[in-house]
Amino acid sequence: MLIDTKFQNWVESLSQNYKKAQIKAAIHVNSELIKFYYELGEEIAKTSFKASYGNKFYDLLSAELKKAIPNAKGLNHQNLRYAEKFYTMYKKIFPQVVGELVLVPWGHHRIIIDKCKTIEKCLFYIKTTVKNNLSRYDLESRILANVYERSQNTINNFTKQLSSIDEGIANQIMKDPYEFDFLTIRENYNEKELKDELTKHIESFLLELGNGFAYVGKEVRLILGYTEMYCDLLFYSIKAHCYVVIEIKTGEFKPEHMGQLIGYTAAIDATLKGEYDNKTIGILVCRNKDNTLAQHIINGTNLPVGISEYQLSNLIPDKYKSSLPTIEDLEKGEDK
C-alpha cells in the first residue's frame, strides 16, 4: 500500500511526541504516559487519515509507529483505540481532572473505559482507585459488584457531620443495598441467625464494606453511666481512623431503630474512641425502608449515621433446612 508523505510526516510528529514523553518518563513515568495517551488520542480523534485508510487505519498507524520507535511499548492497535476513547471520555474536563487521572495506571484506565459508559461513573472509580490503591483485580471486582450504582442513593448525613476527607471515606463504606449473596440462610431467618451468618463469613462481609477494615466483634458490650448495651457489629476503619458500628434489622426501618444506633454511637465515642480517633460512624442496615422517613430521621441527629437496605439471594426453604448436613456432620463423615 502506498502511503502519502503527509501521513508519514504525521507519524513522525507522533513519534517525536512519544520520544519527548519517554525522556520525561524517567522522572514521572505514569503521569507522562497518561498525558501522552491523552494527546495521542486527541491526534487520532481529530485526524482525517482515518477516513483515508478506513478499517486498516489503526493497524497501519501501529505498524508505522513501531517502525519509527522500535523499542516502544504500548503502541499496538488496541492501545491506539483506547487512547482515542480516553481522550473522547475526558476531553471536556481534562484540565480539571488531570491531577487524578495521572495517578491511575493505564491498565486500570482500560478497564474503566471498557466498563463505564458515563463520565460520572468513570470519575467515581478513578477516585476510588486512587484513595484505595486498588489493583486491577480489585477495581474490576468493584465494578462488577455495582459499587457505583449502590453508592448513589445512600441516605446519610456525612456531609454535615464529617470533614470532607472523612466524608469521602464514609461514603465509600455506604452502599444501598448491601449485597449479602455470600450467605446461605433459611427463608424465615431472625436477626440472630443473620448476624451469626455474617460473622461466620466475616471476610466476605469485610470485602463488601471495602478496604481497610478490622473486625472488632459481635454483641460488643458498652457501658455508659449505669446503662449497659450491646451493639450488633463493631468494626474499625483504618483509613478513616474511626469505629464503625453496624446495627442489623431484618424488618422494615422504624424511627426507634435510629435511637438504638445513636445510643451505640454515642457510647463508643464516650468509652472506646481514643484521642486521635475520628467520630464513630453508625450504619443501620435493614430489610427495607421508606426513604423519605429515613432521610428526615437522619437529618434530626448530629452524629454521623446512615441507613441502608440489604439483599439476600441464597435462601433455603424451611422444609429443606433440617435435611441439610451441617459442617460438623460433613467433617464427621470424612473421619469415618
Foldseek 3Di string as FASTA:
>chain_A
DDDDPVVLVVLLVLLVLVVVLVVVCVPQVLLSVLVSLLVLLVCVVPDPVCVVVPPCVLQVSLVSNCVSVVPDPQSHSVSSVLSVLSNVQCVVPCVPCSVLSSQDGPVLSSLLSVQPDHSVSSVVLSVVCNLQVDDSVLSNVCSVVVLVVQLPDWAWDCVQQHDPQLSVLVSSQGGAAQEPQVFAEADPDAPVVVLVRCVVVVVVVVVSRPPQKAWDDAQDWFDDPNDIGGFGTWMAHPSQQAIETEHEEAAEDDLVVVVVQVVVQVRCCVPPRDPPGDRYEYEYEYQYYDSVVQNVSNVPDNGIYTYHYYDYDNHDYPVCVVVDDDPVRVVVVVVD
